[in-house]
PDB file of N, CA and C in Angstrom:
ATOM      1  N   MET A   1       0.824  -1.289   0.079  1.00  0.00           N
ATOM      2  CA  MET A   1       0.105   0.225   0.128  1.00  0.00           C
ATOM      3  C   MET A   1       0.928   1.442  -0.070  1.00  0.00           C
ATOM      4  N   PHE A   2       1.978   1.435   0.779  1.00  0.00           N
ATOM      5  CA  PHE A   2       2.834   2.663   0.932  1.00  0.00           C
ATOM      6  C   PHE A   2       3.978   2.195   0.097  1.00  0.00           C
ATOM      7  N   ASN A   3       4.365   1.288  -0.152  1.00  0.00           N
ATOM      8  CA  ASN A   3       5.702   0.907  -0.645  1.00  0.00           C
ATOM      9  C   ASN A   3       6.201   1.941  -1.817  1.00  0.00           C
ATOM     10  N   ASN A   4       7.557   2.150  -1.138  1.00  0.00           N
ATOM     11  CA  ASN A   4       7.955   3.185  -2.239  1.00  0.00           C
ATOM     12  C   ASN A   4       7.699   4.927  -1.998  1.00  0.00           C
ATOM     13  N   MET A   5       7.010   5.010  -1.024  1.00  0.00           N
ATOM     14  CA  MET A   5       6.280   6.232  -0.771  1.00  0.00           C
ATOM     15  C   MET A   5       7.541   7.287  -0.101  1.00  0.00           C
ATOM     16  N   GLN A   6       7.530   8.317  -0.623  1.00  0.00           N
ATOM     17  CA  GLN A   6       8.572   9.097  -0.309  1.00  0.00           C
ATOM     18  C   GLN A   6       8.332  10.440   0.510  1.00  0.00           C
ATOM     19  N   THR A   7       8.355  11.128   1.590  1.00  0.00           N
ATOM     20  CA  THR A   7       8.115  12.626   2.143  1.00  0.00           C
ATOM     21  C   THR A   7       8.945  12.961   2.582  1.00  0.00           C
ATOM     22  N   SER A   8       9.305  14.530   2.032  1.00  0.00           N
ATOM     23  CA  SER A   8      10.308  15.256   2.414  1.00  0.00           C
ATOM     24  C   SER A   8       9.834  16.166   3.788  1.00  0.00           C
ATOM     25  N   PHE A   9      10.467  16.692   4.650  1.00  0.00           N
ATOM     26  CA  PHE A   9       9.944  17.246   5.947  1.00  0.00           C
ATOM     27  C   PHE A   9      10.989  17.992   6.184  1.00  0.00           C
ATOM     28  N   LYS A  10      10.705  18.947   7.158  1.00  0.00           N
ATOM     29  CA  LYS A  10      11.893  19.774   8.016  1.00  0.00           C
ATOM     30  C   LYS A  10      11.387  19.527   9.721  1.00  0.00           C
ATOM     31  N   THR A  11      12.453  19.129  10.455  1.00  0.00           N
ATOM     32  CA  THR A  11      12.292  19.234  11.934  1.00  0.00           C
ATOM     33  C   THR A  11      12.616  20.151  12.768  1.00  0.00           C
ATOM     34  N   PRO A  12      12.146  20.866  13.593  1.00  0.00           N
ATOM     35  CA  PRO A  12      12.823  21.798  14.223  1.00  0.00           C
ATOM     36  C   PRO A  12      13.729  21.401  15.480  1.00  0.00           C
ATOM     37  N   SER A  13      13.370  20.088  16.090  1.00  0.00           N
ATOM     38  CA  SER A  13      13.959  19.519  16.823  1.00  0.00           C
ATOM     39  C   SER A  13      14.180  17.922  16.721  1.00  0.00           C
ATOM     40  N   PHE A  14      14.817  17.596  17.553  1.00  0.00           N
ATOM     41  CA  PHE A  14      14.940  16.100  17.807  1.00  0.00           C
ATOM     42  C   PHE A  14      14.572  15.798  19.210  1.00  0.00           C
ATOM     43  N   SER A  15      14.160  14.881  19.909  1.00  0.00           N
ATOM     44  CA  SER A  15      13.790  14.272  20.920  1.00  0.00           C
ATOM     45  C   SER A  15      14.168  12.910  21.237  1.00  0.00           C
ATOM     46  N   PHE A  16      14.941  12.563  22.545  1.00  0.00           N
ATOM     47  CA  PHE A  16      15.047  11.246  23.019  1.00  0.00           C
ATOM     48  C   PHE A  16      14.858  11.319  24.541  1.00  0.00           C
ATOM     49  N   ASN A  17      14.451  10.208  25.381  1.00  0.00           N
ATOM     50  CA  ASN A  17      14.023   9.976  26.509  1.00  0.00           C
ATOM     51  C   ASN A  17      13.585  11.155  27.069  1.00  0.00           C
ATOM     52  N   ASN A  18      14.623  11.960  27.788  1.00  0.00           N
ATOM     53  CA  ASN A  18      14.024  13.252  28.572  1.00  0.00           C
ATOM     54  C   ASN A  18      14.625  14.403  28.091  1.00  0.00           C
ATOM     55  N   THR A  19      15.300  14.671  26.748  1.00  0.00           N
ATOM     56  CA  THR A  19      15.882  15.397  26.144  1.00  0.00           C
ATOM     57  C   THR A  19      15.534  15.911  25.192  1.00  0.00           C
ATOM     58  N   SER A  20      15.229  17.423  24.966  1.00  0.00           N
ATOM     59  CA  SER A  20      14.765  17.770  23.686  1.00  0.00           C
ATOM     60  C   SER A  20      15.786  18.827  23.137  1.00  0.00           C
ATOM     61  N   PHE A  21      16.179  18.584  21.695  1.00  0.00           N
ATOM     62  CA  PHE A  21      17.510  19.424  20.950  1.00  0.00           C
ATOM     63  C   PHE A  21      16.609  20.352  20.207  1.00  0.00           C
ATOM     64  N   THR A  22      16.611  21.549  20.443  1.00  0.00           N
ATOM     65  CA  THR A  22      16.059  22.184  19.451  1.00  0.00           C
ATOM     66  C   THR A  22      16.707  23.091  18.501  1.00  0.00           C
ATOM     67  N   LEU A  23      16.852  23.158  17.349  1.00  0.00           N
ATOM     68  CA  LEU A  23      17.550  23.649  16.040  1.00  0.00           C
ATOM     69  C   LEU A  23      17.300  24.971  16.139  1.00  0.00           C
ATOM     70  N   LYS A  24      18.310  25.722  15.374  1.00  0.00           N
ATOM     71  CA  LYS A  24      18.394  27.043  15.069  1.00  0.00           C
ATOM     72  C   LYS A  24      17.395  27.139  13.994  1.00  0.00           C
ATOM     73  N   LYS A  25      17.636  26.129  12.879  1.00  0.00           N
ATOM     74  CA  LYS A  25      16.581  26.554  11.852  1.00  0.00           C
ATOM     75  C   LYS A  25      16.299  25.125  11.803  1.00  0.00           C
ATOM     76  N   PRO A  26      14.981  24.607  11.361  1.00  0.00           N
ATOM     77  CA  PRO A  26      14.555  23.237  10.639  1.00  0.00           C
ATOM     78  C   PRO A  26      15.566  22.199   9.868  1.00  0.00           C
ATOM     79  N   ALA A  27      15.996  21.222  10.174  1.00  0.00           N
ATOM     80  CA  ALA A  27      16.461  20.461   9.468  1.00  0.00           C
ATOM     81  C   ALA A  27      15.804  19.411   8.621  1.00  0.00           C
ATOM     82  N   PRO A  28      16.308  19.547   7.059  1.00  0.00           N
ATOM     83  CA  PRO A  28      15.623  18.829   6.037  1.00  0.00           C
ATOM     84  C   PRO A  28      15.736  17.159   6.578  1.00  0.00           C
ATOM     85  N   CYS A  29      14.614  16.384   6.609  1.00  0.00           N
ATOM     86  CA  CYS A  29      14.943  14.870   6.355  1.00  0.00           C
ATOM     87  C   CYS A  29      13.790  14.531   5.638  1.00  0.00           C
ATOM     88  N   SER A  30      13.816  13.163   5.612  1.00  0.00           N
ATOM     89  CA  SER A  30      12.823  12.249   4.582  1.00  0.00           C
ATOM     90  C   SER A  30      12.444  11.203   5.238  1.00  0.00           C
ATOM     91  N   LEU A  31      11.133  10.840   4.849  1.00  0.00           N
ATOM     92  CA  LEU A  31      10.798   9.352   5.477  1.00  0.00           C
ATOM     93  C   LEU A  31      10.323   8.704   4.045  1.00  0.00           C
ATOM     94  N   LYS A  32      10.873   7.669   4.129  1.00  0.00           N
ATOM     95  CA  LYS A  32      10.188   6.705   3.024  1.00  0.00           C
ATOM     96  C   LYS A  32       9.447   5.160   3.674  1.00  0.00           C
ATOM     97  N   TYR A  33       8.816   4.722   2.951  1.00  0.00           N
ATOM     98  CA  TYR A  33       8.490   3.157   3.133  1.00  0.00           C
ATOM     99  C   TYR A  33       8.941   2.323   2.145  1.00  0.00           C
ATOM    100  N   HIS A  34       9.655   1.622   2.499  1.00  0.00           N
ATOM    101  CA  HIS A  34       9.953   0.568   1.030  1.00  0.00           C
ATOM    102  C   HIS A  34      10.734  -0.797   2.121  1.00  0.00           C
ATOM    103  N   ASN A  35      10.209  -1.850   1.360  1.00  0.00           N
ATOM    104  CA  ASN A  35      10.183  -3.216   1.825  1.00  0.00           C
ATOM    105  C   ASN A  35       9.955  -3.465   3.566  1.00  0.00           C
ATOM    106  N   ASP A  36       8.451  -3.004   3.539  1.00  0.00           N
ATOM    107  CA  ASP A  36       8.273  -3.177   4.861  1.00  0.00           C
ATOM    108  C   ASP A  36       8.815  -2.615   5.914  1.00  0.00           C
ATOM    109  N   LEU A  37       9.645  -1.462   5.354  1.00  0.00           N
ATOM    110  CA  LEU A  37      10.201  -0.150   6.659  1.00  0.00           C
ATOM    111  C   LEU A  37      10.088   0.866   6.574  1.00  0.00           C
ATOM    112  N   TRP A  38       9.880   1.743   7.765  1.00  0.00           N
ATOM    113  CA  TRP A  38       9.760   3.009   7.844  1.00  0.00           C
ATOM    114  C   TRP A  38      11.234   3.678   8.030  1.00  0.00           C
ATOM    115  N   ILE A  39      11.588   4.398   7.011  1.00  0.00           N
ATOM    116  CA  ILE A  39      12.920   4.740   6.934  1.00  0.00           C
ATOM    117  C   ILE A  39      12.684   6.370   7.122  1.00  0.00           C
ATOM    118  N   TYR A  40      13.545   6.848   8.285  1.00  0.00           N
ATOM    119  CA  TYR A  40      13.880   8.254   8.413  1.00  0.00           C
ATOM    120  C   TYR A  40      15.561   8.530   7.997  1.00  0.00           C
ATOM    121  N   GLU A  41      15.630   9.668   7.230  1.00  0.00           N
ATOM    122  CA  GLU A  41      16.857  10.049   7.099  1.00  0.00           C
ATOM    123  C   GLU A  41      17.094  11.642   7.441  1.00  0.00           C
ATOM    124  N   CYS A  42      18.247  11.784   7.761  1.00  0.00           N
ATOM    125  CA  CYS A  42      18.621  13.242   8.001  1.00  0.00           C
ATOM    126  C   CYS A  42      19.879  13.473   7.395  1.00  0.00           C
ATOM    127  N   LEU A  43      20.135  13.999   6.023  1.00  0.00           N
ATOM    128  CA  LEU A  43      21.393  13.939   5.682  1.00  0.00           C
ATOM    129  C   LEU A  43      22.360  14.838   6.153  1.00  0.00           C
ATOM    130  N   ARG A  44      21.745  15.834   6.853  1.00  0.00           N
ATOM    131  CA  ARG A  44      22.756  16.844   7.267  1.00  0.00           C
ATOM    132  C   ARG A  44      23.665  16.584   8.337  1.00  0.00           C
ATOM    133  N   TYR A  45      23.038  15.281   9.051  1.00  0.00           N
ATOM    134  CA  TYR A  45      23.696  14.789  10.448  1.00  0.00           C
ATOM    135  C   TYR A  45      24.323  13.558  10.094  1.00  0.00           C
ATOM    136  N   GLY A  46      23.814  13.064   8.841  1.00  0.00           N
ATOM    137  CA  GLY A  46      24.601  11.597   8.550  1.00  0.00           C
ATOM    138  C   GLY A  46      23.416  10.461   9.360  1.00  0.00           C
ATOM    139  N   LEU A  47      22.216  10.873   9.606  1.00  0.00           N
ATOM    140  CA  LEU A  47      21.237  10.094  10.375  1.00  0.00           C
ATOM    141  C   LEU A  47      20.225   9.248   9.640  1.00  0.00           C
ATOM    142  N   TYR A  48      20.319   7.863   9.983  1.00  0.00           N
ATOM    143  CA  TYR A  48      19.286   6.985   9.423  1.00  0.00           C
ATOM    144  C   TYR A  48      18.818   6.320  10.465  1.00  0.00           C
ATOM    145  N   ALA A  49      17.294   5.702  10.132  1.00  0.00           N
ATOM    146  CA  ALA A  49      16.899   5.293  11.476  1.00  0.00           C
ATOM    147  C   ALA A  49      15.847   4.479  10.784  1.00  0.00           C
ATOM    148  N   PHE A  50      15.676   3.295  10.948  1.00  0.00           N
ATOM    149  CA  PHE A  50      14.077   2.565  10.355  1.00  0.00           C
ATOM    150  C   PHE A  50      13.437   1.431  11.349  1.00  0.00           C
ATOM    151  N   SER A  51      12.394   0.949  10.892  1.00  0.00           N
ATOM    152  CA  SER A  51      11.807  -0.035  11.616  1.00  0.00           C
ATOM    153  C   SER A  51      10.457  -0.160  11.021  1.00  0.00           C
ATOM    154  N   GLU A  52       9.762  -1.506  11.273  1.00  0.00           N
ATOM    155  CA  GLU A  52       8.839  -1.771  10.633  1.00  0.00           C
ATOM    156  C   GLU A  52       7.842  -1.140  11.312  1.00  0.00           C
ATOM    157  N   ASP A  53       8.022  -0.379  12.457  1.00  0.00           N
ATOM    158  CA  ASP A  53       6.820   0.582  13.075  1.00  0.00           C
ATOM    159  C   ASP A  53       7.409   2.077  13.234  1.00  0.00           C
ATOM    160  N   LYS A  54       6.653   2.979  12.413  1.00  0.00           N
ATOM    161  CA  LYS A  54       6.752   3.919  12.191  1.00  0.00           C
ATOM    162  C   LYS A  54       7.094   5.062  12.979  1.00  0.00           C
ATOM    163  N   GLN A  55       6.305   4.938  14.267  1.00  0.00           N
ATOM    164  CA  GLN A  55       6.850   5.630  15.546  1.00  0.00           C
ATOM    165  C   GLN A  55       7.913   5.069  16.085  1.00  0.00           C
ATOM    166  N   GLU A  56       8.560   3.958  16.048  1.00  0.00           N
ATOM    167  CA  GLU A  56       9.792   3.511  16.559  1.00  0.00           C
ATOM    168  C   GLU A  56      10.626   3.934  15.793  1.00  0.00           C
ATOM    169  N   ALA A  57      10.478   3.928  14.455  1.00  0.00           N
ATOM    170  CA  ALA A  57      11.804   4.544  13.521  1.00  0.00           C
ATOM    171  C   ALA A  57      11.793   6.088  13.826  1.00  0.00           C
ATOM    172  N   LEU A  58      10.962   6.443  14.047  1.00  0.00           N
ATOM    173  CA  LEU A  58      11.097   8.175  14.564  1.00  0.00           C
ATOM    174  C   LEU A  58      11.970   8.227  16.137  1.00  0.00           C
ATOM    175  N   GLN A  59      11.308   7.369  16.823  1.00  0.00           N
ATOM    176  CA  GLN A  59      12.164   7.579  17.995  1.00  0.00           C
ATOM    177  C   GLN A  59      13.453   7.159  17.579  1.00  0.00           C
ATOM    178  N   GLN A  60      13.943   6.228  16.991  1.00  0.00           N
ATOM    179  CA  GLN A  60      15.235   5.915  16.639  1.00  0.00           C
ATOM    180  C   GLN A  60      16.064   7.041  16.141  1.00  0.00           C
ATOM    181  N   LEU A  61      15.486   7.583  15.513  1.00  0.00           N
ATOM    182  CA  LEU A  61      16.109   8.767  14.719  1.00  0.00           C
ATOM    183  C   LEU A  61      16.327   9.894  15.742  1.00  0.00           C
ATOM    184  N   GLY A  62      15.566  10.122  16.953  1.00  0.00           N
ATOM    185  CA  GLY A  62      16.084  10.959  18.296  1.00  0.00           C
ATOM    186  C   GLY A  62      17.076  10.541  18.873  1.00  0.00           C
ATOM    187  N   GLU A  63      16.916   9.308  18.923  1.00  0.00           N
ATOM    188  CA  GLU A  63      18.102   8.516  20.044  1.00  0.00           C
ATOM    189  C   GLU A  63      19.544   8.740  18.851  1.00  0.00           C
ATOM    190  N   GLU A  64      19.366   8.379  17.929  1.00  0.00           N
ATOM    191  CA  GLU A  64      20.999   8.563  17.056  1.00  0.00           C
ATOM    192  C   GLU A  64      21.657  10.272  17.276  1.00  0.00           C
ATOM    193  N   PHE A  65      20.456  11.055  17.140  1.00  0.00           N
ATOM    194  CA  PHE A  65      20.788  12.558  17.226  1.00  0.00           C
ATOM    195  C   PHE A  65      21.153  12.740  18.279  1.00  0.00           C
ATOM    196  N   ALA A  66      20.649  12.224  19.859  1.00  0.00           N
ATOM    197  CA  ALA A  66      20.941  12.331  21.163  1.00  0.00           C
ATOM    198  C   ALA A  66      22.661  11.638  21.351  1.00  0.00           C
ATOM    199  N   PHE A  67      22.656  10.779  20.813  1.00  0.00           N
ATOM    200  CA  PHE A  67      23.950   9.784  20.696  1.00  0.00           C
ATOM    201  C   PHE A  67      25.045  10.521  20.288  1.00  0.00           C
ATOM    202  N   LEU A  68      24.690  11.189  19.133  1.00  0.00           N
ATOM    203  CA  LEU A  68      25.793  11.954  18.242  1.00  0.00           C
ATOM    204  C   LEU A  68      26.053  13.351  19.112  1.00  0.00           C
ATOM    205  N   TYR A  69      25.026  13.995  19.500  1.00  0.00           N
ATOM    206  CA  TYR A  69      25.341  15.254  20.060  1.00  0.00           C
ATOM    207  C   TYR A  69      26.085  15.120  21.453  1.00  0.00           C
ATOM    208  N   ASP A  70      25.608  13.906  22.382  1.00  0.00           N
ATOM    209  CA  ASP A  70      26.183  13.863  23.596  1.00  0.00           C
ATOM    210  C   ASP A  70      27.581  13.299  23.487  1.00  0.00           C
ATOM    211  N   GLY A  71      27.842  12.431  22.445  1.00  0.00           N
ATOM    212  CA  GLY A  71      29.105  11.605  22.124  1.00  0.00           C
ATOM    213  C   GLY A  71      29.972  12.720  21.617  1.00  0.00           C
ATOM    214  N   LEU A  72      29.686  13.406  20.608  1.00  0.00           N
ATOM    215  CA  LEU A  72      30.906  14.602  19.909  1.00  0.00           C
ATOM    216  C   LEU A  72      30.955  15.510  20.608  1.00  0.00           C
ATOM    217  N   THR A  73      30.034  16.241  21.322  1.00  0.00           N
ATOM    218  CA  THR A  73      30.235  17.603  22.160  1.00  0.00           C
ATOM    219  C   THR A  73      30.902  17.676  23.352  1.00  0.00           C
ATOM    220  N   HIS A  74      31.284  16.307  24.013  1.00  0.00           N
ATOM    221  CA  HIS A  74      31.750  16.060  25.263  1.00  0.00           C
ATOM    222  C   HIS A  74      33.278  15.552  25.172  1.00  0.00           C
ATOM    223  N   GLU A  75      33.459  15.266  23.660  1.00  0.00           N
ATOM    224  CA  GLU A  75      34.743  14.601  23.641  1.00  0.00           C
ATOM    225  C   GLU A  75      35.853  15.736  23.239  1.00  0.00           C
ATOM    226  N   PRO A  76      37.215  15.644  23.668  1.00  0.00           N
ATOM    227  CA  PRO A  76      38.166  16.511  23.390  1.00  0.00           C
ATOM    228  C   PRO A  76      38.762  16.198  21.884  1.00  0.00           C
ATOM    229  N   ASP A  77      39.157  17.478  21.312  1.00  0.00           N
ATOM    230  CA  ASP A  77      39.589  17.383  19.984  1.00  0.00           C
ATOM    231  C   ASP A  77      40.477  16.186  19.693  1.00  0.00           C
ATOM    232  N   GLU A  78      41.480  15.864  20.259  1.00  0.00           N
ATOM    233  CA  GLU A  78      42.075  14.850  20.207  1.00  0.00           C
ATOM    234  C   GLU A  78      42.081  13.616  20.199  1.00  0.00           C
ATOM    235  N   LYS A  79      40.657  13.273  20.651  1.00  0.00           N
ATOM    236  CA  LYS A  79      40.024  11.812  20.678  1.00  0.00           C
ATOM    237  C   LYS A  79      39.263  11.705  19.533  1.00  0.00           C
ATOM    238  N   GLN A  80      39.011  12.756  18.593  1.00  0.00           N
ATOM    239  CA  GLN A  80      37.942  12.907  17.573  1.00  0.00           C
ATOM    240  C   GLN A  80      38.703  12.920  16.248  1.00  0.00           C
ATOM    241  N   THR A  81      38.349  12.170  15.129  1.00  0.00           N
ATOM    242  CA  THR A  81      38.569  12.381  13.647  1.00  0.00           C
ATOM    243  C   THR A  81      38.518  13.976  13.088  1.00  0.00           C
ATOM    244  N   GLN A  82      38.846  14.373  12.062  1.00  0.00           N
ATOM    245  CA  GLN A  82      38.637  15.496  11.554  1.00  0.00           C
ATOM    246  C   GLN A  82      37.167  15.968  10.993  1.00  0.00           C
ATOM    247  N   ASP A  83      36.655  14.741  10.624  1.00  0.00           N
ATOM    248  CA  ASP A  83      35.016  14.817  10.284  1.00  0.00           C
ATOM    249  C   ASP A  83      34.159  14.592  11.598  1.00  0.00           C
ATOM    250  N   ALA A  84      34.351  14.190  12.462  1.00  0.00           N
ATOM    251  CA  ALA A  84      33.687  14.077  13.538  1.00  0.00           C
ATOM    252  C   ALA A  84      33.510  15.366  14.188  1.00  0.00           C
ATOM    253  N   ILE A  85      35.093  16.076  14.276  1.00  0.00           N
ATOM    254  CA  ILE A  85      35.235  17.430  14.940  1.00  0.00           C
ATOM    255  C   ILE A  85      34.329  18.644  13.767  1.00  0.00           C
ATOM    256  N   GLU A  86      34.133  18.475  12.470  1.00  0.00           N
ATOM    257  CA  GLU A  86      33.437  19.182  11.855  1.00  0.00           C
ATOM    258  C   GLU A  86      31.631  18.750  12.003  1.00  0.00           C
ATOM    259  N   LEU A  87      31.653  17.681  12.302  1.00  0.00           N
ATOM    260  CA  LEU A  87      30.208  17.224  12.610  1.00  0.00           C
ATOM    261  C   LEU A  87      29.788  17.828  14.097  1.00  0.00           C
ATOM    262  N   ARG A  88      30.784  17.942  14.856  1.00  0.00           N
ATOM    263  CA  ARG A  88      30.360  18.408  15.997  1.00  0.00           C
ATOM    264  C   ARG A  88      30.247  19.661  16.210  1.00  0.00           C
ATOM    265  N   ASP A  89      31.102  20.657  15.505  1.00  0.00           N
ATOM    266  CA  ASP A  89      31.220  21.943  15.349  1.00  0.00           C
ATOM    267  C   ASP A  89      29.556  22.431  14.645  1.00  0.00           C
ATOM    268  N   LEU A  90      29.123  21.525  13.630  1.00  0.00           N
ATOM    269  CA  LEU A  90      28.238  21.680  12.852  1.00  0.00           C
ATOM    270  C   LEU A  90      26.972  21.600  14.007  1.00  0.00           C
ATOM    271  N   LEU A  91      26.824  20.673  14.674  1.00  0.00           N
ATOM    272  CA  LEU A  91      25.722  20.173  16.054  1.00  0.00           C
ATOM    273  C   LEU A  91      25.786  21.204  16.768  1.00  0.00           C
ATOM    274  N   LYS A  92      26.741  21.869  17.586  1.00  0.00           N
ATOM    275  CA  LYS A  92      27.198  23.018  18.326  1.00  0.00           C
ATOM    276  C   LYS A  92      26.589  24.266  17.534  1.00  0.00           C
ATOM    277  N   SER A  93      26.972  24.375  16.655  1.00  0.00           N
ATOM    278  CA  SER A  93      26.166  25.664  15.355  1.00  0.00           C
ATOM    279  C   SER A  93      24.645  25.645  15.553  1.00  0.00           C
ATOM    280  N   ASP A  94      24.179  24.366  15.187  1.00  0.00           N
ATOM    281  CA  ASP A  94      22.919  24.165  14.984  1.00  0.00           C
ATOM    282  C   ASP A  94      21.677  24.034  15.957  1.00  0.00           C
ATOM    283  N   VAL A  95      22.173  23.723  17.280  1.00  0.00           N
ATOM    284  CA  VAL A  95      21.365  23.314  18.522  1.00  0.00           C
ATOM    285  C   VAL A  95      21.308  24.593  19.342  1.00  0.00           C
ATOM    286  N   VAL A  96      20.674  25.288  19.409  1.00  0.00           N
ATOM    287  CA  VAL A  96      20.285  26.298  20.156  1.00  0.00           C
ATOM    288  C   VAL A  96      19.867  26.571  21.297  1.00  0.00           C
ATOM    289  N   LYS A  97      19.250  24.937  21.847  1.00  0.00           N
ATOM    290  CA  LYS A  97      18.684  24.908  23.128  1.00  0.00           C
ATOM    291  C   LYS A  97      18.690  23.312  23.373  1.00  0.00           C
ATOM    292  N   VAL A  98      19.282  22.718  24.743  1.00  0.00           N
ATOM    293  CA  VAL A  98      18.908  21.310  25.001  1.00  0.00           C
ATOM    294  C   VAL A  98      18.140  21.565  26.386  1.00  0.00           C
ATOM    295  N   LYS A  99      17.102  21.061  26.419  1.00  0.00           N
ATOM    296  CA  LYS A  99      16.280  20.959  27.349  1.00  0.00           C
ATOM    297  C   LYS A  99      16.159  19.506  27.908  1.00  0.00           C
ATOM    298  N   ARG A 100      16.067  19.329  29.411  1.00  0.00           N
ATOM    299  CA  ARG A 100      16.022  18.143  29.997  1.00  0.00           C
ATOM    300  C   ARG A 100      14.460  18.455  30.771  1.00  0.00           C
ATOM    301  N   ILE A 101      13.804  17.170  30.025  1.00  0.00           N
ATOM    302  CA  ILE A 101      12.505  17.304  30.749  1.00  0.00           C
ATOM    303  C   ILE A 101      11.955  16.536  31.374  1.00  0.00           C
TER     304      ILE A 101
END
């Protein structure tokens, strides 16, 4: 029914568990349904999440973002590759508010 459906959207924030990450401007993402999987993709941050359940896939996207943000923003430069430093700087620039709820 939904196979090969794809939708583009912009998200103003990501959430996982008790944390919300508000972005300076909405990030472009996409959602597609393919081979019985809901697939969320946010190329700006290199995020991919998928599941047979649409809501679970969205939760995984938030978890991936939180993992990236928490992992990269708290590591010293000498422990990161140049690509990781660039992604960390992008995350720090894009995230205007981190709220523990």
